[in-house]
N, C-alpha and C. Protein backbone atom coordinates (compact mmCIF):
# COMPACT_ATOMS: atom_id res chain seq x y z
N MET A 1 5.69 80.04 -84.66
CA MET A 1 4.35 79.30 -85.57
C MET A 1 4.75 77.82 -85.79
N ALA A 2 5.47 77.66 -86.64
CA ALA A 2 6.21 76.44 -87.42
C ALA A 2 6.20 75.58 -86.08
N LYS A 3 7.11 76.05 -85.21
CA LYS A 3 7.46 75.24 -84.39
C LYS A 3 6.30 74.68 -83.14
N LYS A 4 5.33 75.59 -82.66
CA LYS A 4 3.92 75.23 -82.21
C LYS A 4 3.29 74.22 -83.19
N LEU A 5 3.09 74.52 -84.28
CA LEU A 5 2.79 73.38 -85.13
C LEU A 5 3.04 72.14 -84.94
N LEU A 6 4.35 71.93 -84.90
CA LEU A 6 5.13 70.66 -85.09
C LEU A 6 4.57 69.71 -83.58
N TRP A 7 4.99 70.58 -82.32
CA TRP A 7 4.57 69.75 -81.40
C TRP A 7 3.22 69.61 -81.35
N GLY A 8 2.00 69.98 -81.68
CA GLY A 8 0.72 69.99 -81.77
C GLY A 8 0.46 68.73 -82.45
N LEU A 9 1.02 69.01 -83.72
CA LEU A 9 0.90 67.33 -84.65
C LEU A 9 1.63 66.09 -83.79
N LEU A 10 2.56 66.32 -83.14
CA LEU A 10 3.49 65.67 -82.21
C LEU A 10 2.19 64.73 -81.01
N ILE A 11 1.68 65.73 -80.73
CA ILE A 11 0.51 65.52 -79.57
C ILE A 11 -0.39 64.66 -79.78
N ILE A 12 -1.00 65.09 -81.34
CA ILE A 12 -2.29 64.28 -81.74
C ILE A 12 -1.66 63.07 -82.10
N MET A 13 -0.29 62.66 -82.88
CA MET A 13 -0.28 61.53 -83.48
C MET A 13 0.08 60.55 -82.11
N THR A 14 0.20 61.25 -81.02
CA THR A 14 0.40 60.23 -79.58
C THR A 14 -1.07 59.89 -78.97
N VAL A 15 -2.42 60.40 -79.50
CA VAL A 15 -3.34 60.13 -78.73
C VAL A 15 -4.39 59.54 -79.75
N GLY A 16 -3.89 59.55 -81.05
CA GLY A 16 -4.76 59.03 -81.77
C GLY A 16 -5.52 57.82 -82.07
N CYS A 17 -5.29 57.16 -83.35
CA CYS A 17 -6.15 55.96 -83.63
C CYS A 17 -5.13 54.77 -83.54
N ALA A 18 -5.73 53.48 -83.69
CA ALA A 18 -5.13 52.45 -83.14
C ALA A 18 -4.68 51.69 -84.97
N VAL A 19 -3.14 51.33 -84.89
CA VAL A 19 -3.04 50.59 -86.14
C VAL A 19 -2.57 49.38 -85.96
N THR A 20 -2.59 48.04 -86.46
CA THR A 20 -2.21 46.83 -86.14
C THR A 20 -1.83 46.12 -87.58
N ARG A 21 -0.22 45.70 -87.48
CA ARG A 21 0.02 45.06 -88.67
C ARG A 21 0.32 43.27 -88.41
N VAL A 22 0.20 42.48 -89.12
CA VAL A 22 -0.25 41.08 -88.76
C VAL A 22 1.21 40.21 -89.81
N THR A 23 1.09 39.49 -89.57
CA THR A 23 2.05 38.54 -90.30
C THR A 23 1.76 36.94 -90.29
N SER A 24 1.38 36.33 -91.39
CA SER A 24 1.05 35.04 -91.32
C SER A 24 1.22 34.37 -92.21
N PHE A 25 0.93 33.07 -92.20
CA PHE A 25 1.66 32.03 -92.96
C PHE A 25 0.30 30.51 -92.96
N LYS A 26 0.10 30.61 -94.44
CA LYS A 26 -0.87 29.77 -94.84
C LYS A 26 -0.12 28.19 -94.77
N ASP A 27 -0.58 27.07 -94.39
CA ASP A 27 0.01 25.70 -94.96
C ASP A 27 -0.52 25.57 -96.34
N PRO A 28 0.53 25.44 -97.28
CA PRO A 28 0.26 25.05 -98.35
C PRO A 28 -0.72 23.72 -99.17
N ALA A 29 -0.26 22.85 -97.83
CA ALA A 29 -1.24 21.29 -98.08
C ALA A 29 -3.03 21.82 -98.23
N PHE A 30 -3.26 23.21 -97.68
CA PHE A 30 -4.77 23.80 -97.62
C PHE A 30 -5.04 25.19 -98.45
N ALA A 31 -4.44 24.84 -99.45
CA ALA A 31 -4.18 26.09 -100.28
C ALA A 31 -5.70 26.40 -100.91
N ASP A 32 -6.23 25.38 -101.14
CA ASP A 32 -7.92 25.59 -101.69
C ASP A 32 -9.01 25.66 -100.72
N ARG A 33 -8.63 25.62 -99.25
CA ARG A 33 -9.47 25.69 -98.54
C ARG A 33 -9.80 27.12 -97.89
N LYS A 34 -10.98 27.10 -97.66
CA LYS A 34 -12.09 28.31 -97.83
C LYS A 34 -12.80 27.94 -96.05
N ILE A 35 -12.89 28.81 -95.64
CA ILE A 35 -13.29 28.46 -93.92
C ILE A 35 -14.94 28.88 -93.73
N ASP A 36 -15.83 28.22 -92.67
CA ASP A 36 -17.08 28.66 -92.70
C ASP A 36 -17.21 27.80 -91.24
N GLN A 37 -18.19 28.78 -90.72
CA GLN A 37 -18.39 28.02 -89.60
C GLN A 37 -17.53 27.99 -88.44
N VAL A 38 -17.26 29.46 -88.23
CA VAL A 38 -16.00 29.52 -87.10
C VAL A 38 -16.13 29.89 -85.96
N LEU A 39 -15.51 28.97 -85.07
CA LEU A 39 -15.74 28.99 -83.28
C LEU A 39 -14.58 30.08 -83.17
N ILE A 40 -14.94 31.06 -82.38
CA ILE A 40 -13.74 32.32 -81.95
C ILE A 40 -13.32 31.97 -80.93
N VAL A 41 -12.28 31.68 -80.43
CA VAL A 41 -12.04 31.24 -78.77
C VAL A 41 -10.51 32.47 -78.17
N VAL A 42 -10.63 33.04 -77.22
CA VAL A 42 -10.11 33.76 -76.65
C VAL A 42 -9.49 33.41 -74.93
N PRO A 43 -8.10 32.29 -74.97
CA PRO A 43 -7.87 31.71 -73.63
C PRO A 43 -8.03 32.95 -72.78
N SER A 44 -8.80 32.81 -72.13
CA SER A 44 -8.49 34.39 -71.10
C SER A 44 -9.48 34.23 -69.90
N THR A 45 -8.91 34.57 -68.80
CA THR A 45 -9.70 34.82 -67.79
C THR A 45 -10.13 35.75 -67.15
N ASP A 46 -9.63 37.15 -68.21
CA ASP A 46 -10.15 38.07 -68.29
C ASP A 46 -11.68 38.37 -69.48
N LEU A 47 -12.72 38.30 -68.52
CA LEU A 47 -14.05 38.08 -69.02
C LEU A 47 -14.04 39.26 -69.89
N GLU A 48 -13.81 40.52 -69.67
CA GLU A 48 -13.92 41.51 -70.18
C GLU A 48 -13.46 41.30 -71.76
N ALA A 49 -12.02 41.26 -71.62
CA ALA A 49 -11.41 41.03 -72.78
C ALA A 49 -11.68 39.92 -73.45
N ARG A 50 -12.27 38.70 -73.36
CA ARG A 50 -12.54 37.97 -73.76
C ARG A 50 -13.79 38.01 -74.99
N THR A 51 -14.68 38.46 -74.11
CA THR A 51 -16.04 38.90 -74.45
C THR A 51 -16.03 39.97 -75.59
N THR A 52 -15.37 40.77 -75.60
CA THR A 52 -15.07 41.64 -76.03
C THR A 52 -14.46 41.32 -77.67
N ILE A 53 -12.96 40.62 -77.67
CA ILE A 53 -12.49 40.13 -78.89
C ILE A 53 -13.27 39.28 -79.94
N GLU A 54 -13.86 38.07 -78.45
CA GLU A 54 -14.42 37.18 -79.31
C GLU A 54 -16.06 38.04 -79.98
N THR A 55 -16.65 38.68 -79.36
CA THR A 55 -17.75 39.75 -80.63
C THR A 55 -17.21 40.31 -81.22
N ALA A 56 -15.95 41.06 -81.22
CA ALA A 56 -15.47 41.71 -82.54
C ALA A 56 -15.32 40.69 -83.68
N PHE A 57 -14.60 40.07 -83.28
CA PHE A 57 -14.22 38.84 -84.73
C PHE A 57 -15.13 38.15 -85.19
N THR A 58 -16.43 38.01 -84.22
CA THR A 58 -17.85 37.50 -84.91
C THR A 58 -18.52 38.31 -85.52
N VAL A 59 -18.69 39.42 -85.31
CA VAL A 59 -19.07 40.53 -86.22
C VAL A 59 -18.63 40.70 -87.68
N ARG A 60 -17.13 40.68 -87.16
CA ARG A 60 -16.41 41.14 -88.47
C ARG A 60 -16.38 39.71 -89.65
N PHE A 61 -16.17 38.84 -89.09
CA PHE A 61 -16.64 37.52 -89.76
C PHE A 61 -17.77 37.46 -90.44
N GLU A 62 -18.66 37.75 -89.45
CA GLU A 62 -20.31 38.03 -90.09
C GLU A 62 -20.36 38.78 -91.20
N ASP A 63 -19.50 40.09 -90.99
CA ASP A 63 -19.46 41.15 -92.64
C ASP A 63 -18.98 40.75 -93.72
N CYS A 64 -18.28 39.62 -93.27
CA CYS A 64 -17.73 39.00 -94.74
C CYS A 64 -18.52 37.93 -95.69
N GLY A 65 -19.75 37.31 -94.33
CA GLY A 65 -20.30 36.39 -94.98
C GLY A 65 -19.97 35.14 -94.70
N VAL A 66 -18.86 35.16 -93.69
CA VAL A 66 -18.98 33.94 -92.96
C VAL A 66 -19.29 33.59 -91.65
N LYS A 67 -19.92 32.20 -91.33
CA LYS A 67 -20.61 32.17 -89.99
C LYS A 67 -19.64 32.10 -88.98
N ALA A 68 -19.95 32.47 -87.95
CA ALA A 68 -18.88 32.65 -86.73
C ALA A 68 -19.70 32.51 -85.58
N ILE A 69 -19.38 31.89 -84.32
CA ILE A 69 -20.10 32.44 -82.74
C ILE A 69 -18.95 32.27 -82.18
N PRO A 70 -18.99 33.17 -81.28
CA PRO A 70 -17.95 33.24 -79.65
C PRO A 70 -18.30 32.32 -78.94
N SER A 71 -17.01 31.88 -78.44
CA SER A 71 -16.87 30.71 -77.48
C SER A 71 -17.70 30.85 -76.31
N PHE A 72 -17.50 32.24 -75.77
CA PHE A 72 -18.38 32.04 -74.57
C PHE A 72 -19.89 31.76 -74.88
N LYS A 73 -20.41 31.52 -76.28
CA LYS A 73 -22.35 31.38 -76.10
C LYS A 73 -22.53 29.65 -76.32
N VAL A 74 -20.99 29.00 -76.66
CA VAL A 74 -21.14 27.70 -76.75
C VAL A 74 -20.54 26.95 -75.47
N PHE A 75 -19.81 27.73 -74.50
CA PHE A 75 -18.60 26.93 -73.73
C PHE A 75 -19.11 28.06 -72.21
N ILE A 76 -19.92 28.08 -71.55
CA ILE A 76 -20.63 28.90 -70.50
C ILE A 76 -19.42 29.20 -69.53
N PRO A 77 -19.23 30.56 -69.32
CA PRO A 77 -17.81 30.89 -68.57
C PRO A 77 -17.91 30.12 -67.21
N THR A 78 -19.50 30.06 -66.67
CA THR A 78 -19.43 29.61 -65.32
C THR A 78 -19.31 28.25 -65.02
N ARG A 79 -19.35 27.43 -66.21
CA ARG A 79 -19.33 25.89 -66.33
C ARG A 79 -17.77 25.33 -66.56
N THR A 80 -17.91 24.04 -66.48
CA THR A 80 -16.23 22.95 -66.91
C THR A 80 -16.63 22.06 -67.52
N TYR A 81 -16.16 21.90 -68.55
CA TYR A 81 -16.18 20.78 -69.90
C TYR A 81 -15.03 19.85 -70.04
N THR A 82 -15.69 18.60 -69.76
CA THR A 82 -14.23 17.50 -70.52
C THR A 82 -14.26 17.50 -71.56
N GLU A 83 -13.24 16.95 -72.13
CA GLU A 83 -12.88 16.59 -73.69
C GLU A 83 -13.89 16.14 -74.49
N ASP A 84 -14.92 15.44 -73.92
CA ASP A 84 -15.88 14.50 -75.02
C ASP A 84 -16.67 15.55 -74.99
N GLU A 85 -17.02 16.59 -73.78
CA GLU A 85 -18.38 17.59 -73.50
C GLU A 85 -17.75 18.46 -74.77
N ILE A 86 -16.58 18.64 -74.83
CA ILE A 86 -16.08 20.08 -75.53
C ILE A 86 -16.07 19.56 -77.32
N ARG A 87 -15.88 18.24 -77.29
CA ARG A 87 -15.98 17.75 -78.52
C ARG A 87 -17.73 17.60 -79.10
N LYS A 88 -18.49 17.22 -78.27
CA LYS A 88 -19.49 16.76 -78.76
C LYS A 88 -20.16 18.24 -78.93
N SER A 89 -20.03 19.44 -78.11
CA SER A 89 -20.46 21.15 -78.32
C SER A 89 -20.18 21.44 -79.87
N ILE A 90 -19.05 20.93 -80.35
CA ILE A 90 -18.20 21.49 -81.67
C ILE A 90 -19.25 21.29 -82.38
N LYS A 91 -19.47 19.23 -82.36
CA LYS A 91 -19.97 18.67 -83.29
C LYS A 91 -21.56 19.05 -83.54
N ASP A 92 -22.09 19.76 -82.46
CA ASP A 92 -23.55 19.85 -82.36
C ASP A 92 -23.47 21.52 -82.82
N HIS A 93 -22.50 22.53 -82.65
CA HIS A 93 -22.82 23.57 -83.29
C HIS A 93 -22.04 23.90 -85.00
N PHE A 94 -21.82 22.25 -85.35
CA PHE A 94 -21.28 22.11 -86.91
C PHE A 94 -20.05 23.23 -87.31
N ILE A 95 -19.28 23.10 -85.85
CA ILE A 95 -18.06 24.25 -85.85
C ILE A 95 -17.02 23.35 -87.02
N ALA A 96 -16.67 24.18 -88.08
CA ALA A 96 -15.51 23.50 -88.97
C ALA A 96 -14.11 24.16 -89.12
N ALA A 97 -14.23 25.30 -88.11
CA ALA A 97 -12.81 25.64 -87.94
C ALA A 97 -12.86 26.42 -86.64
N VAL A 98 -11.73 26.43 -86.19
CA VAL A 98 -11.61 27.38 -84.62
C VAL A 98 -10.22 28.24 -84.99
N LEU A 99 -10.95 29.57 -84.35
CA LEU A 99 -9.74 30.62 -84.25
C LEU A 99 -9.57 30.91 -83.03
N TRP A 100 -8.08 30.41 -82.80
CA TRP A 100 -7.24 30.50 -81.16
C TRP A 100 -6.52 31.70 -81.60
N ILE A 101 -7.24 32.84 -80.69
CA ILE A 101 -6.60 34.04 -80.10
C ILE A 101 -5.64 34.17 -78.90
N GLU A 102 -4.76 34.65 -78.94
CA GLU A 102 -3.99 34.30 -77.57
C GLU A 102 -3.08 35.42 -77.38
N LEU A 103 -3.43 35.93 -75.97
CA LEU A 103 -2.53 37.31 -75.95
C LEU A 103 -0.86 36.83 -75.58
N LYS A 104 0.13 37.91 -76.36
CA LYS A 104 1.27 37.27 -75.93
C LYS A 104 1.86 38.52 -74.92
N ASP A 105 1.97 39.21 -75.30
CA ASP A 105 2.11 40.66 -74.19
C ASP A 105 1.37 41.83 -74.36
N SER A 106 1.72 42.79 -73.81
CA SER A 106 0.76 44.17 -73.38
C SER A 106 1.37 45.13 -73.25
N THR A 107 2.56 45.00 -72.85
CA THR A 107 3.54 46.06 -72.48
C THR A 107 3.83 47.37 -73.18
N PRO A 108 3.20 48.60 -72.55
CA PRO A 108 2.68 49.84 -73.55
C PRO A 108 4.45 50.11 -74.12
N ASP A 109 4.06 50.75 -75.22
CA ASP A 109 5.23 51.32 -75.78
C ASP A 109 5.83 52.73 -74.84
N ARG A 110 6.52 53.22 -74.63
CA ARG A 110 6.97 54.56 -73.82
C ARG A 110 7.59 55.51 -74.68
N VAL A 111 6.86 57.06 -74.90
CA VAL A 111 7.16 57.65 -75.82
C VAL A 111 7.82 58.79 -75.27
N PHE A 112 9.13 59.56 -75.47
CA PHE A 112 9.73 60.52 -74.83
C PHE A 112 9.53 61.51 -75.58
N LEU A 113 8.77 62.79 -74.85
CA LEU A 113 8.59 63.87 -75.22
C LEU A 113 9.94 64.86 -74.86
N PRO A 114 10.77 65.77 -76.06
CA PRO A 114 11.73 66.46 -75.13
C PRO A 114 11.18 67.71 -74.81
N GLY A 115 12.48 68.75 -74.47
CA GLY A 115 11.96 69.85 -74.05
C GLY A 115 11.19 70.78 -75.07
N GLY A 116 9.69 71.21 -74.78
CA GLY A 116 9.10 71.60 -75.59
C GLY A 116 9.08 73.19 -75.51
N PHE A 117 7.93 73.67 -76.47
CA PHE A 117 8.05 75.44 -76.50
C PHE A 117 7.31 76.00 -75.34
N GLY A 118 7.33 77.08 -74.98
CA GLY A 118 6.02 77.92 -74.07
C GLY A 118 5.87 79.08 -74.88
N PHE A 119 4.68 79.64 -74.51
CA PHE A 119 4.04 80.60 -75.13
C PHE A 119 3.45 81.71 -73.95
N THR A 120 3.26 83.08 -74.15
CA THR A 120 2.48 83.45 -73.24
C THR A 120 1.53 84.32 -73.69
N THR A 121 0.09 84.46 -73.16
CA THR A 121 -0.67 84.73 -73.51
C THR A 121 -1.40 86.40 -72.70
N GLY A 122 -1.28 87.41 -73.20
CA GLY A 122 -1.91 88.40 -71.89
C GLY A 122 -2.98 89.52 -72.46
N GLN A 123 -2.78 90.54 -71.49
CA GLN A 123 -4.19 91.50 -71.88
C GLN A 123 -3.40 92.99 -71.14
N ILE A 124 -3.22 94.02 -71.99
CA ILE A 124 -3.02 95.31 -71.35
C ILE A 124 -4.10 96.16 -70.70
N SER A 125 -4.01 96.49 -69.69
CA SER A 125 -5.30 96.95 -69.52
C SER A 125 -5.17 99.03 -69.68
N PRO A 126 -5.91 99.30 -69.96
CA PRO A 126 -6.04 100.69 -70.47
C PRO A 126 -5.79 101.82 -69.52
N PRO A 127 -5.38 102.90 -69.38
CA PRO A 127 -5.46 103.75 -68.94
C PRO A 127 -7.15 104.16 -68.58
N GLN A 128 -7.66 105.02 -66.98
CA GLN A 128 -9.09 105.20 -67.20
C GLN A 128 -9.50 106.23 -67.45
N VAL A 129 -10.46 106.33 -68.09
CA VAL A 129 -11.05 107.56 -69.00
C VAL A 129 -12.25 107.76 -68.44
N TYR A 130 -12.73 108.99 -68.36
CA TYR A 130 -14.10 109.49 -67.86
C TYR A 130 -14.43 110.65 -68.64
N SER A 131 -15.88 110.99 -68.70
CA SER A 131 -16.09 112.33 -69.59
C SER A 131 -16.98 113.16 -68.71
N THR A 132 -16.83 114.50 -68.93
CA THR A 132 -17.86 115.43 -68.44
C THR A 132 -18.03 116.46 -69.94
N SER A 133 -19.33 116.09 -70.00
CA SER A 133 -19.28 117.03 -71.27
C SER A 133 -19.09 118.45 -71.33
N PRO A 134 -18.19 118.81 -72.54
CA PRO A 134 -18.28 118.43 -73.51
C PRO A 134 -16.71 118.28 -73.65
N ASN A 135 -15.97 117.84 -72.20
CA ASN A 135 -14.45 117.28 -72.23
C ASN A 135 -14.38 116.27 -71.89
N VAL A 136 -13.29 115.53 -72.60
CA VAL A 136 -13.00 114.20 -72.39
C VAL A 136 -11.55 114.23 -71.15
N HIS A 137 -11.16 113.28 -69.98
CA HIS A 137 -10.11 113.60 -69.70
C HIS A 137 -9.51 112.17 -69.32
N VAL A 138 -8.07 112.12 -69.06
CA VAL A 138 -7.84 110.87 -69.24
C VAL A 138 -6.84 111.35 -67.76
N ILE A 139 -7.07 109.72 -66.92
CA ILE A 139 -6.12 109.88 -65.85
C ILE A 139 -4.96 108.92 -65.90
N PRO A 140 -3.72 109.72 -66.00
CA PRO A 140 -2.55 109.16 -66.35
C PRO A 140 -2.03 108.16 -65.24
N GLY A 141 -1.03 107.46 -65.69
CA GLY A 141 -1.03 106.03 -64.71
C GLY A 141 -0.36 105.02 -65.56
N PRO A 142 0.42 104.19 -64.97
CA PRO A 142 0.72 102.78 -65.40
C PRO A 142 -0.16 101.92 -65.84
N GLN A 143 0.37 101.23 -66.99
CA GLN A 143 -0.80 100.51 -67.75
C GLN A 143 -0.15 99.08 -67.31
N THR A 144 -1.14 98.17 -66.63
CA THR A 144 -0.96 96.90 -66.11
C THR A 144 -1.15 95.50 -67.55
N PHE A 145 -0.12 94.54 -67.16
CA PHE A 145 -0.21 93.56 -68.04
C PHE A 145 -0.07 92.48 -67.40
N SER A 146 -1.41 91.41 -68.01
CA SER A 146 -1.87 90.16 -67.22
C SER A 146 -1.13 89.11 -67.75
N ALA A 147 -0.46 88.04 -67.37
CA ALA A 147 -0.17 87.07 -68.58
C ALA A 147 -0.27 85.67 -67.68
N GLN A 148 -0.67 85.00 -68.86
CA GLN A 148 -0.92 83.40 -68.73
C GLN A 148 0.38 82.40 -69.38
N SER A 149 1.30 81.79 -68.92
CA SER A 149 2.23 80.93 -69.61
C SER A 149 1.71 79.70 -69.90
N PHE A 150 2.31 78.98 -71.14
CA PHE A 150 1.89 77.62 -71.07
C PHE A 150 3.09 77.05 -71.85
N SER A 151 3.30 75.82 -71.52
CA SER A 151 4.02 74.60 -71.93
C SER A 151 3.83 73.59 -72.29
N ILE A 152 4.98 72.87 -73.37
CA ILE A 152 4.72 71.55 -73.46
C ILE A 152 6.04 71.10 -73.39
N GLY A 153 6.04 69.47 -73.07
CA GLY A 153 7.05 69.18 -72.84
C GLY A 153 7.97 69.52 -71.70
N PRO A 154 9.21 68.50 -71.16
CA PRO A 154 9.33 67.52 -71.65
C PRO A 154 8.24 66.28 -70.98
N GLY A 155 8.75 65.23 -71.03
CA GLY A 155 7.72 64.28 -70.26
C GLY A 155 7.55 62.80 -71.34
N VAL A 156 6.78 61.58 -70.53
CA VAL A 156 6.72 60.31 -71.20
C VAL A 156 5.77 60.56 -71.58
N ILE A 157 4.84 59.65 -72.52
CA ILE A 157 3.71 59.19 -72.65
C ILE A 157 3.67 57.67 -73.03
N SER A 158 2.93 57.04 -72.29
CA SER A 158 2.76 55.68 -72.68
C SER A 158 1.44 55.44 -73.29
N LYS A 159 1.95 54.34 -74.44
CA LYS A 159 0.80 54.13 -75.57
C LYS A 159 0.85 52.68 -75.49
N PRO A 160 -0.57 52.59 -75.42
CA PRO A 160 -0.83 50.73 -75.54
C PRO A 160 -0.24 49.99 -76.95
N LYS A 161 0.17 48.64 -76.49
CA LYS A 161 0.20 47.95 -77.40
C LYS A 161 -0.13 46.51 -77.06
N LEU A 162 -0.75 45.82 -78.30
CA LEU A 162 -0.91 44.31 -77.52
C LEU A 162 -0.42 43.62 -78.55
N GLN A 163 0.07 42.46 -78.02
CA GLN A 163 0.50 41.56 -79.34
C GLN A 163 -0.16 40.12 -78.98
N TYR A 164 -0.67 39.32 -80.36
CA TYR A 164 -1.47 38.48 -80.21
C TYR A 164 -1.16 37.09 -81.18
N LYS A 165 -1.00 35.81 -80.64
CA LYS A 165 -0.24 34.93 -81.71
C LYS A 165 -1.89 34.22 -82.02
N ILE A 166 -2.27 34.21 -83.13
CA ILE A 166 -3.44 33.24 -83.83
C ILE A 166 -3.60 32.36 -84.68
N ASP A 167 -4.05 31.35 -84.48
CA ASP A 167 -3.84 30.07 -84.82
C ASP A 167 -5.61 29.70 -85.60
N LEU A 168 -5.60 29.12 -86.68
CA LEU A 168 -6.73 28.64 -87.18
C LEU A 168 -6.82 27.11 -87.33
N TRP A 169 -7.46 26.44 -86.49
CA TRP A 169 -7.54 24.65 -86.73
C TRP A 169 -8.66 24.70 -87.50
N ASP A 170 -8.26 23.37 -87.96
CA ASP A 170 -9.26 22.85 -88.98
C ASP A 170 -9.73 21.56 -88.24
N VAL A 171 -11.14 21.40 -87.97
CA VAL A 171 -11.87 20.57 -86.81
C VAL A 171 -11.59 18.89 -87.50
N ALA A 172 -11.81 18.97 -89.01
CA ALA A 172 -11.69 17.69 -89.68
C ALA A 172 -10.22 16.75 -89.15
N THR A 173 -9.10 17.85 -89.61
CA THR A 173 -8.01 16.84 -89.41
C THR A 173 -7.06 17.46 -88.25
N GLU A 174 -7.87 18.43 -87.34
CA GLU A 174 -7.44 18.89 -85.99
C GLU A 174 -5.89 19.09 -86.43
N LYS A 175 -5.89 19.93 -87.44
CA LYS A 175 -4.55 20.30 -87.70
C LYS A 175 -4.31 22.27 -87.75
N ILE A 176 -3.40 22.85 -87.37
CA ILE A 176 -3.57 24.39 -87.97
C ILE A 176 -3.01 24.33 -89.23
N ILE A 177 -4.01 25.27 -90.05
CA ILE A 177 -4.09 25.57 -91.33
C ILE A 177 -3.43 27.10 -91.75
N TRP A 178 -3.38 27.83 -90.53
CA TRP A 178 -3.18 29.02 -90.72
C TRP A 178 -2.45 29.54 -89.15
N THR A 179 -1.54 30.90 -89.66
CA THR A 179 -0.95 30.93 -87.96
C THR A 179 -0.81 32.33 -88.64
N ALA A 180 -0.86 33.40 -87.58
CA ALA A 180 -0.43 34.84 -87.69
C ALA A 180 -0.07 35.31 -86.38
N ALA A 181 0.98 36.13 -86.62
CA ALA A 181 1.33 37.26 -85.06
C ALA A 181 0.78 38.44 -85.35
N SER A 182 0.11 39.60 -84.53
CA SER A 182 -0.12 40.39 -84.61
C SER A 182 0.29 41.46 -83.60
N VAL A 183 0.66 42.85 -84.24
CA VAL A 183 1.09 44.15 -82.93
C VAL A 183 0.00 45.14 -83.29
N THR A 184 -0.67 45.57 -82.36
CA THR A 184 -1.49 46.52 -82.18
C THR A 184 -1.33 47.84 -81.84
N ARG A 185 -1.17 48.92 -81.98
CA ARG A 185 -0.38 49.88 -81.41
C ARG A 185 -1.52 51.12 -81.36
N GLY A 186 -1.76 51.72 -79.95
CA GLY A 186 -2.67 53.15 -80.32
C GLY A 186 -1.92 53.83 -79.76
N GLY A 187 -3.17 55.27 -79.95
CA GLY A 187 -2.62 56.59 -79.06
C GLY A 187 -2.50 56.72 -77.52
N SER A 188 -2.35 57.65 -76.89
CA SER A 188 -2.24 57.32 -75.13
C SER A 188 -3.65 57.62 -75.05
N GLU A 189 -4.71 57.80 -75.60
CA GLU A 189 -6.17 58.12 -74.77
C GLU A 189 -6.68 56.89 -75.80
N VAL A 190 -6.35 56.14 -76.79
CA VAL A 190 -7.29 55.11 -77.23
C VAL A 190 -7.88 54.16 -76.66
N LYS A 191 -9.26 54.25 -77.01
CA LYS A 191 -9.76 52.87 -76.08
C LYS A 191 -9.78 51.14 -76.41
N PHE A 192 -9.79 50.75 -75.28
CA PHE A 192 -9.53 48.79 -75.71
C PHE A 192 -10.11 48.89 -77.04
N ASN A 193 -11.60 48.84 -76.86
CA ASN A 193 -12.42 48.74 -77.93
C ASN A 193 -11.89 49.12 -79.35
N THR A 194 -11.33 50.14 -79.47
CA THR A 194 -10.65 50.75 -80.43
C THR A 194 -9.78 49.64 -81.02
N LEU A 195 -8.62 49.58 -80.22
CA LEU A 195 -7.80 48.49 -80.31
C LEU A 195 -8.06 47.32 -81.16
N ILE A 196 -9.15 46.95 -80.05
CA ILE A 196 -9.75 45.59 -80.59
C ILE A 196 -10.42 45.33 -82.40
N GLU A 197 -10.77 46.61 -82.55
CA GLU A 197 -11.62 46.83 -83.63
C GLU A 197 -10.52 46.93 -84.61
N SER A 198 -9.18 47.57 -84.68
CA SER A 198 -8.11 47.48 -85.22
C SER A 198 -7.58 46.44 -85.81
N PHE A 199 -7.65 45.48 -84.44
CA PHE A 199 -6.86 44.09 -84.84
C PHE A 199 -7.80 43.09 -85.51
N ALA A 200 -8.73 43.28 -85.18
CA ALA A 200 -10.19 42.15 -86.03
C ALA A 200 -10.21 42.44 -87.62
N ASN A 201 -10.48 44.04 -87.56
CA ASN A 201 -10.51 44.46 -88.95
C ASN A 201 -9.27 44.04 -89.97
N THR A 202 -8.20 43.67 -89.21
CA THR A 202 -7.00 43.72 -90.02
C THR A 202 -6.85 41.81 -90.10
N VAL A 203 -6.65 41.41 -89.29
CA VAL A 203 -6.88 39.93 -89.35
C VAL A 203 -7.57 39.29 -90.54
N LEU A 204 -8.87 39.83 -90.18
CA LEU A 204 -10.16 39.54 -91.71
C LEU A 204 -9.43 39.60 -92.28
N GLU A 205 -8.96 40.98 -92.98
CA GLU A 205 -8.12 41.41 -94.19
C GLU A 205 -7.04 40.57 -94.70
N LYS A 206 -6.33 39.82 -93.52
CA LYS A 206 -5.21 39.27 -93.93
C LYS A 206 -5.84 37.77 -94.24
N LEU A 207 -6.59 37.53 -93.72
CA LEU A 207 -7.22 36.11 -93.93
C LEU A 207 -8.17 36.05 -95.24
N LYS A 208 -8.62 37.07 -95.70
CA LYS A 208 -8.86 37.49 -97.20
C LYS A 208 -7.83 37.22 -98.13
N GLU A 209 -6.73 37.99 -98.12
CA GLU A 209 -5.84 38.26 -98.89
C GLU A 209 -5.06 36.61 -98.84
N ASP A 210 -4.74 35.95 -97.65
CA ASP A 210 -4.71 34.72 -97.96
C ASP A 210 -5.40 33.74 -98.22
N GLY A 211 -6.61 33.63 -99.02
CA GLY A 211 -7.50 33.20 -100.03
C GLY A 211 -8.02 32.25 -98.66
N LEU A 212 -8.38 32.19 -97.56
CA LEU A 212 -9.31 31.46 -96.41
C LEU A 212 -10.64 31.80 -96.19
N ILE A 213 -11.15 33.10 -96.99
CA ILE A 213 -12.38 33.76 -96.90
C ILE A 213 -12.39 34.40 -97.89
N LYS A 214 -13.71 34.29 -98.73
CA LYS A 214 -14.12 35.45 -99.87
C LYS A 214 -13.76 36.56 -100.06
């Protein structure tokens, strides 16, 4: 039973939630800087990933009381823009900072499950019984046993992993005032949205910790 429980827990851990780790550095020249009016930019041709990530960060910023806007609402994906048009759009939307989120690696982790355990369930068929009152008769004969076997392992489970580089640009000075690297991992069945929620939540917590948002 103990071995079965341990294997069950192992499988749960390979399927479950997402976890993110973020390492960051804030430019000491901007020690007192608090950000607002943030443009969220994901430089990706994968439109689904871009809109999902930018939306998740926008919502999380607003939950923290910081105004934010996803870049796909400022720079329409079906259009092209010159450098002057980009600068004008940033000015027109009163953007004070740009959060640049760039995917660096999406190679999944591979987890090896060693040889597992097996168990069998079954049922014994009883001998036939019939009654002719007041007597009960039992027909002798062999009992039968039907069974089904189950086993877990060995095998390999692929678990998603996303690595991002995040830079926070100050629009007024055109300098990077904060930079970070993140790793988000999840179970084998975790959805992309769950990974991104963990990613966004952890990055915002790190921005709070580093004093860039209240």
